[in-house]
Amino acid sequence: MFLRPLIEFKDVTLGYGSHLVLQNLNFVIHEGDFFGIVGPNGSGKTTLLKAILRVLKPQQGKILFRVEGGQGEGEEYEEGSPRDTRGQGNAGTPSVSASPALSRSPVRELSLGYVPQHNQVDQIFPLSVLDIVLMGRFKKLGPWRKPGKWDRQVALKSLDHVGLLHLAAKSFQELSGGQKQRTLIARALAAEPQILILDEPTSGMDLTSEKKMMELIRALHERVGVDNGGPLTIIMATHNLNLVANYAKKIAILHQGIVLGPTEEILTDENLSKVYQTKVSVRVVDGSKVVITGGAEC
């Protein structure tokens, strides 16, 4: 089955002023990908996410985003071009839209749902779980419009997807760490995204909670896309190699550049040992891949 390209990096260099973080990036994110981003601290994981979220513009090269409609099916345009309308949307769910003067048919935006680490969310305001999830609808509502019945239904369905429907009225502050992370995933799903972007989704979790979270993300990848009429694309940045080894279908290893491809081909002893500058082995234990450092054997 042919999967359409959604985002394409062409000879992209990313950085901050004179400090270059990633150079000569060339890759494509396709519809339905489960894409893992790993690398040592300071390797550029956050920088790459910022570029995908359209928060950070490339210093060199082009980032192309797919839109539906406009002048043609599957039209693309360059980041920062006259067709870049990022300022019109909510920063939490960046979008792409075509200039009305160029459109021949309604344009379907490339919708991104972003899930930060739960400890990065301001918890001063005593909002309910449902209130938090309804925030995911703000971009679709536009300025000065309140959520309506349909928005509430979408938010409740998103909570159902993550198994928190029974906690809709509970205060967000009272949730456990895992429940907070599920709430933030539901908020991103409420935007009805084509791409779900997760930054360290299991940060601070114990092993049991971590496995439950990853099984949830896998289930969303398989189920939510069907509900929304197209495959859901997952982009996950993490420091945990075991997660990408067992869940991601494609992987990008960041280290003085990028090594990218199918997980089975890229996540090798040789590649990992070179990146992390220590002996690393990938073993299969009880059907699951385990990444071992220091040359230990199973």
Protein backbone atom coordinates (compact mmCIF):
# COMPACT_ATOMS: atom_id res chain seq x y z
CA MET A 1 0.00 0.00 0.00
CA PHE A 2 1.33 3.44 -0.97
CA LEU A 3 1.65 5.81 1.98
CA ARG A 4 1.75 9.49 1.15
CA PRO A 5 4.64 11.70 2.28
CA LEU A 6 3.54 14.27 4.88
CA ILE A 7 6.76 16.12 5.76
CA GLU A 8 10.01 16.20 3.83
CA PHE A 9 13.37 17.62 4.89
CA LYS A 10 15.63 18.65 1.99
CA ASP A 11 19.25 19.52 2.86
CA VAL A 12 18.09 21.12 6.11
CA THR A 13 20.42 22.70 8.65
CA LEU A 14 19.03 23.56 12.08
CA GLY A 15 20.57 25.66 14.81
CA TYR A 16 20.48 28.78 16.94
CA GLY A 17 22.41 31.74 15.60
CA SER A 18 25.95 30.63 14.85
CA HIS A 19 25.50 27.36 16.77
CA LEU A 20 24.60 24.61 14.29
CA VAL A 21 22.92 21.59 15.86
CA LEU A 22 21.94 19.38 12.90
CA GLN A 23 23.16 19.63 9.32
CA ASN A 24 22.28 18.18 5.91
CA LEU A 25 19.04 16.49 7.00
CA ASN A 26 17.30 14.60 4.20
CA PHE A 27 14.34 12.40 5.09
CA VAL A 28 10.61 11.94 4.62
CA ILE A 29 7.90 11.24 7.21
CA HIS A 30 5.10 9.22 5.63
CA GLU A 31 1.47 8.80 6.51
CA GLY A 32 1.12 5.99 9.05
CA ASP A 33 4.76 5.97 10.20
CA PHE A 34 5.67 5.15 13.80
CA PHE A 35 8.86 7.18 13.91
CA GLY A 36 11.28 7.14 16.85
CA ILE A 37 13.92 9.82 17.49
CA VAL A 38 16.78 8.90 19.84
CA GLY A 39 20.23 10.16 20.68
CA PRO A 40 22.45 11.25 23.57
CA ASN A 41 21.68 14.41 25.54
CA GLY A 42 22.42 17.46 23.41
CA SER A 43 22.24 15.54 20.13
CA GLY A 44 19.37 17.63 18.76
CA LYS A 45 16.17 15.71 19.57
CA THR A 46 14.36 18.80 20.85
CA THR A 47 15.70 20.91 17.99
CA LEU A 48 14.36 18.43 15.43
CA LEU A 49 10.95 18.38 17.13
CA LYS A 50 10.84 22.18 17.04
CA ALA A 51 11.45 22.11 13.29
CA ILE A 52 8.71 19.52 12.74
CA LEU A 53 6.35 21.60 14.88
CA ARG A 54 7.30 24.66 12.80
CA VAL A 55 8.54 26.54 15.84
CA LEU A 56 12.13 26.64 14.53
CA LYS A 57 12.83 27.62 10.92
CA PRO A 58 15.74 26.00 9.05
CA GLN A 59 18.91 28.02 8.58
CA GLN A 60 19.46 26.25 5.28
CA GLY A 61 17.42 23.93 3.08
CA LYS A 62 13.69 23.35 2.84
CA ILE A 63 11.01 21.65 4.91
CA LEU A 64 7.97 20.72 2.83
CA PHE A 65 4.53 20.10 4.32
CA ARG A 66 1.71 18.31 2.57
CA VAL A 67 -1.74 19.86 2.20
CA GLU A 68 -4.87 18.49 0.58
CA GLY A 69 -6.78 20.54 -1.97
CA GLY A 70 -5.63 23.94 -3.17
CA GLN A 71 -4.03 23.78 -6.63
CA GLY A 72 -3.69 20.02 -6.58
CA GLU A 73 -4.06 16.87 -4.55
CA GLY A 74 -1.13 16.41 -2.22
CA GLU A 75 0.25 19.89 -2.81
CA GLU A 76 3.35 20.84 -0.83
CA TYR A 77 4.85 24.18 0.11
CA GLU A 78 8.02 25.36 1.68
CA GLU A 79 8.38 26.37 5.32
CA GLY A 80 8.43 30.17 5.51
CA SER A 81 6.94 30.68 2.04
CA PRO A 82 3.99 33.06 1.41
CA ARG A 83 1.72 30.08 2.00
CA ASP A 84 3.00 29.63 5.55
CA THR A 85 0.10 30.74 7.79
CA ARG A 86 1.48 29.55 11.11
CA GLY A 87 0.53 32.78 12.85
CA GLN A 88 -3.17 32.14 12.32
CA GLY A 89 -3.37 28.96 14.40
CA ASN A 90 -2.88 27.80 17.95
CA ALA A 91 0.78 27.22 18.77
CA GLY A 92 -0.04 23.91 20.42
CA THR A 93 -1.38 22.42 17.21
CA PRO A 94 0.50 23.97 14.27
CA SER A 95 -1.15 23.77 10.88
CA VAL A 96 -0.69 24.39 7.20
CA SER A 97 -3.16 26.08 4.92
CA ALA A 98 -3.19 27.41 1.38
CA SER A 99 -3.64 31.00 0.28
CA PRO A 100 -7.32 31.55 -0.63
CA ALA A 101 -6.30 33.18 -3.91
CA LEU A 102 -4.56 29.97 -4.98
CA SER A 103 -7.19 27.49 -3.80
CA ARG A 104 -9.48 25.70 -6.23
CA SER A 105 -11.04 23.52 -3.57
CA PRO A 106 -11.23 23.48 0.23
CA VAL A 107 -7.83 22.87 1.77
CA ARG A 108 -7.35 20.23 4.43
CA GLU A 109 -4.67 21.36 6.82
CA LEU A 110 -1.81 19.16 7.96
CA SER A 111 -2.76 18.97 11.62
CA LEU A 112 -0.15 18.24 14.29
CA GLY A 113 -0.99 17.18 17.84
CA TYR A 114 1.83 17.81 20.32
CA VAL A 115 2.19 16.00 23.67
CA PRO A 116 4.79 17.59 25.99
CA GLN A 117 6.10 15.98 29.14
CA HIS A 118 3.44 16.36 31.83
CA ASN A 119 5.84 18.19 34.15
CA GLN A 120 6.15 20.98 31.56
CA VAL A 121 2.46 21.89 31.88
CA ASP A 122 1.42 24.79 34.11
CA GLN A 123 -0.79 23.29 36.83
CA ILE A 124 -1.63 26.49 38.72
CA PHE A 125 -5.15 26.74 37.36
CA PRO A 126 -7.64 24.23 38.85
CA LEU A 127 -8.91 22.84 35.55
CA SER A 128 -10.77 19.57 35.14
CA VAL A 129 -9.51 16.78 32.92
CA LEU A 130 -12.22 17.61 30.37
CA ASP A 131 -11.23 21.30 30.42
CA ILE A 132 -7.65 20.34 29.57
CA VAL A 133 -8.75 18.10 26.69
CA LEU A 134 -11.11 20.74 25.29
CA MET A 135 -8.07 22.98 24.81
CA GLY A 136 -7.18 20.72 21.91
CA ARG A 137 -10.23 22.09 20.07
CA PHE A 138 -9.19 25.76 20.28
CA LYS A 139 -7.45 25.92 16.91
CA LYS A 140 -10.46 24.49 15.10
CA LEU A 141 -12.80 26.86 16.93
CA GLY A 142 -10.96 30.04 16.09
CA PRO A 143 -10.77 33.17 18.27
CA TRP A 144 -13.55 34.10 20.71
CA ARG A 145 -15.61 30.96 20.11
CA LYS A 146 -16.56 28.64 22.95
CA PRO A 147 -16.55 24.85 22.60
CA GLY A 148 -19.92 23.49 21.54
CA LYS A 149 -21.68 20.16 21.78
CA TRP A 150 -19.63 18.62 18.98
CA ASP A 151 -16.35 19.77 20.53
CA ARG A 152 -17.38 18.21 23.82
CA GLN A 153 -18.21 14.93 22.06
CA VAL A 154 -14.79 14.90 20.38
CA ALA A 155 -13.08 15.61 23.72
CA LEU A 156 -14.99 12.84 25.48
CA LYS A 157 -14.18 10.41 22.68
CA SER A 158 -10.50 11.34 23.03
CA LEU A 159 -10.67 10.63 26.75
CA ASP A 160 -12.29 7.29 25.98
CA HIS A 161 -9.39 6.48 23.63
CA VAL A 162 -6.92 6.88 26.49
CA GLY A 163 -9.08 5.16 29.11
CA LEU A 164 -9.87 8.25 31.22
CA LEU A 165 -13.51 8.90 30.39
CA HIS A 166 -14.46 8.14 34.00
CA LEU A 167 -12.13 10.93 35.21
CA ALA A 168 -13.49 13.70 32.96
CA ALA A 169 -14.72 15.82 35.90
CA LYS A 170 -11.67 15.23 38.12
CA SER A 171 -9.13 18.01 38.73
CA PHE A 172 -6.02 17.65 36.57
CA GLN A 173 -3.88 18.49 39.61
CA GLU A 174 -5.13 15.39 41.43
CA LEU A 175 -4.07 12.90 38.75
CA SER A 176 -1.08 10.59 38.89
CA GLY A 177 1.83 11.22 36.52
CA GLY A 178 0.64 8.53 34.12
CA GLN A 179 -2.92 9.87 34.14
CA LYS A 180 -1.67 13.40 33.45
CA GLN A 181 0.28 12.13 30.46
CA ARG A 182 -2.80 10.31 29.15
CA THR A 183 -4.80 13.53 29.55
CA LEU A 184 -2.26 15.43 27.46
CA ILE A 185 -2.44 12.73 24.79
CA ALA A 186 -6.23 13.08 24.79
CA ARG A 187 -5.84 16.85 24.40
CA ALA A 188 -3.67 16.31 21.32
CA LEU A 189 -6.14 13.75 19.91
CA ALA A 190 -8.99 16.25 20.33
CA ALA A 191 -7.34 18.32 17.58
CA GLU A 192 -7.99 15.35 15.24
CA PRO A 193 -4.34 15.30 14.12
CA GLN A 194 -2.77 13.50 11.22
CA ILE A 195 0.52 13.45 13.15
CA LEU A 196 0.86 12.87 16.90
CA ILE A 197 4.18 14.14 18.29
CA LEU A 198 5.30 12.91 21.72
CA ASP A 199 8.25 14.27 23.71
CA GLU A 200 9.55 11.71 26.24
CA PRO A 201 6.06 10.22 26.82
CA THR A 202 7.23 7.87 29.60
CA SER A 203 9.44 10.30 31.52
CA GLY A 204 9.39 9.62 35.26
CA MET A 205 7.30 6.44 34.98
CA ASP A 206 8.04 3.08 36.57
CA LEU A 207 8.40 0.02 34.34
CA THR A 208 4.76 -1.07 34.66
CA SER A 209 3.39 2.39 33.84
CA GLU A 210 5.90 2.75 31.01
CA LYS A 211 4.73 -0.46 29.36
CA LYS A 212 1.06 0.53 29.74
CA MET A 213 1.77 3.93 28.18
CA MET A 214 3.57 2.43 25.19
CA GLU A 215 0.84 -0.16 24.64
CA LEU A 216 -1.66 2.72 24.65
CA ILE A 217 0.37 4.64 22.07
CA ARG A 218 0.62 1.54 19.89
CA ALA A 219 -3.15 1.01 20.13
CA LEU A 220 -3.79 4.65 19.20
CA HIS A 221 -1.52 4.27 16.19
CA GLU A 222 -3.55 1.30 15.01
CA ARG A 223 -7.04 2.54 15.95
CA VAL A 224 -7.33 6.33 15.87
CA GLY A 225 -6.26 6.64 12.26
CA VAL A 226 -9.11 4.36 11.24
CA ASP A 227 -11.57 6.51 13.20
CA ASN A 228 -10.31 9.72 11.57
CA GLY A 229 -10.32 8.36 8.04
CA GLY A 230 -6.57 7.92 7.53
CA PRO A 231 -3.52 6.37 9.21
CA LEU A 232 -2.27 8.21 12.30
CA THR A 233 1.43 9.06 12.14
CA ILE A 234 3.41 8.88 15.40
CA ILE A 235 6.65 10.79 16.02
CA MET A 236 8.22 10.01 19.40
CA ALA A 237 11.40 11.51 20.85
CA THR A 238 12.89 9.56 23.75
CA HIS A 239 16.16 8.71 25.44
CA ASN A 240 14.90 5.15 26.05
CA LEU A 241 16.34 2.83 23.40
CA ASN A 242 14.25 -0.12 24.55
CA LEU A 243 11.05 1.76 23.67
CA VAL A 244 12.01 2.51 20.09
CA ALA A 245 13.45 -0.98 19.68
CA ASN A 246 10.09 -2.58 20.46
CA TYR A 247 7.55 -0.04 19.20
CA ALA A 248 8.92 2.25 16.47
CA LYS A 249 8.92 1.02 12.87
CA LYS A 250 11.40 3.67 11.72
CA ILE A 251 14.11 5.34 13.73
CA ALA A 252 16.37 8.37 13.54
CA ILE A 253 19.56 8.23 15.63
CA LEU A 254 21.01 11.70 16.17
CA HIS A 255 24.74 11.99 16.71
CA GLN A 256 26.86 14.47 14.74
CA GLY A 257 24.21 14.16 12.06
CA ILE A 258 21.49 11.59 11.54
CA VAL A 259 21.24 7.87 10.80
CA LEU A 260 17.74 6.99 9.66
CA GLY A 261 15.82 3.98 8.39
CA PRO A 262 13.78 0.93 9.42
CA THR A 263 14.36 0.07 13.08
CA GLU A 264 15.56 -3.46 12.29
CA GLU A 265 18.31 -2.10 10.04
CA ILE A 266 19.39 0.94 12.05
CA LEU A 267 19.23 -0.26 15.66
CA THR A 268 22.36 -2.42 15.50
CA ASP A 269 25.19 -3.07 17.95
CA GLU A 270 27.62 -1.24 15.66
CA ASN A 271 25.52 1.91 15.22
CA LEU A 272 24.60 2.20 18.89
CA SER A 273 28.14 1.56 20.14
CA LYS A 274 29.43 4.30 17.84
CA VAL A 275 26.78 6.82 18.92
CA TYR A 276 26.99 6.21 22.67
CA GLN A 277 30.75 5.58 22.69
CA THR A 278 30.49 2.39 24.71
CA LYS A 279 29.80 -1.23 23.86
CA VAL A 280 26.07 -1.67 23.22
CA SER A 281 24.28 -4.90 22.33
CA VAL A 282 20.73 -5.56 21.15
CA ARG A 283 19.35 -8.90 22.33
CA VAL A 284 15.96 -10.63 22.18
CA VAL A 285 14.64 -11.81 25.56
CA ASP A 286 11.23 -13.51 25.78
CA GLY A 287 10.24 -12.04 22.44
CA SER A 288 11.19 -8.44 23.29
CA LYS A 289 14.31 -6.53 22.25
CA VAL A 290 16.58 -5.43 25.07
CA VAL A 291 19.40 -2.91 24.65
CA ILE A 292 22.35 -3.70 26.92
CA THR A 293 25.34 -1.48 27.65
CA GLY A 294 28.81 -2.42 28.80
CA GLY A 295 29.03 -5.66 26.85
CA ALA A 296 26.81 -7.63 29.22
CA GLU A 297 25.37 -10.86 27.89
CA CYS A 298 21.95 -12.42 28.46
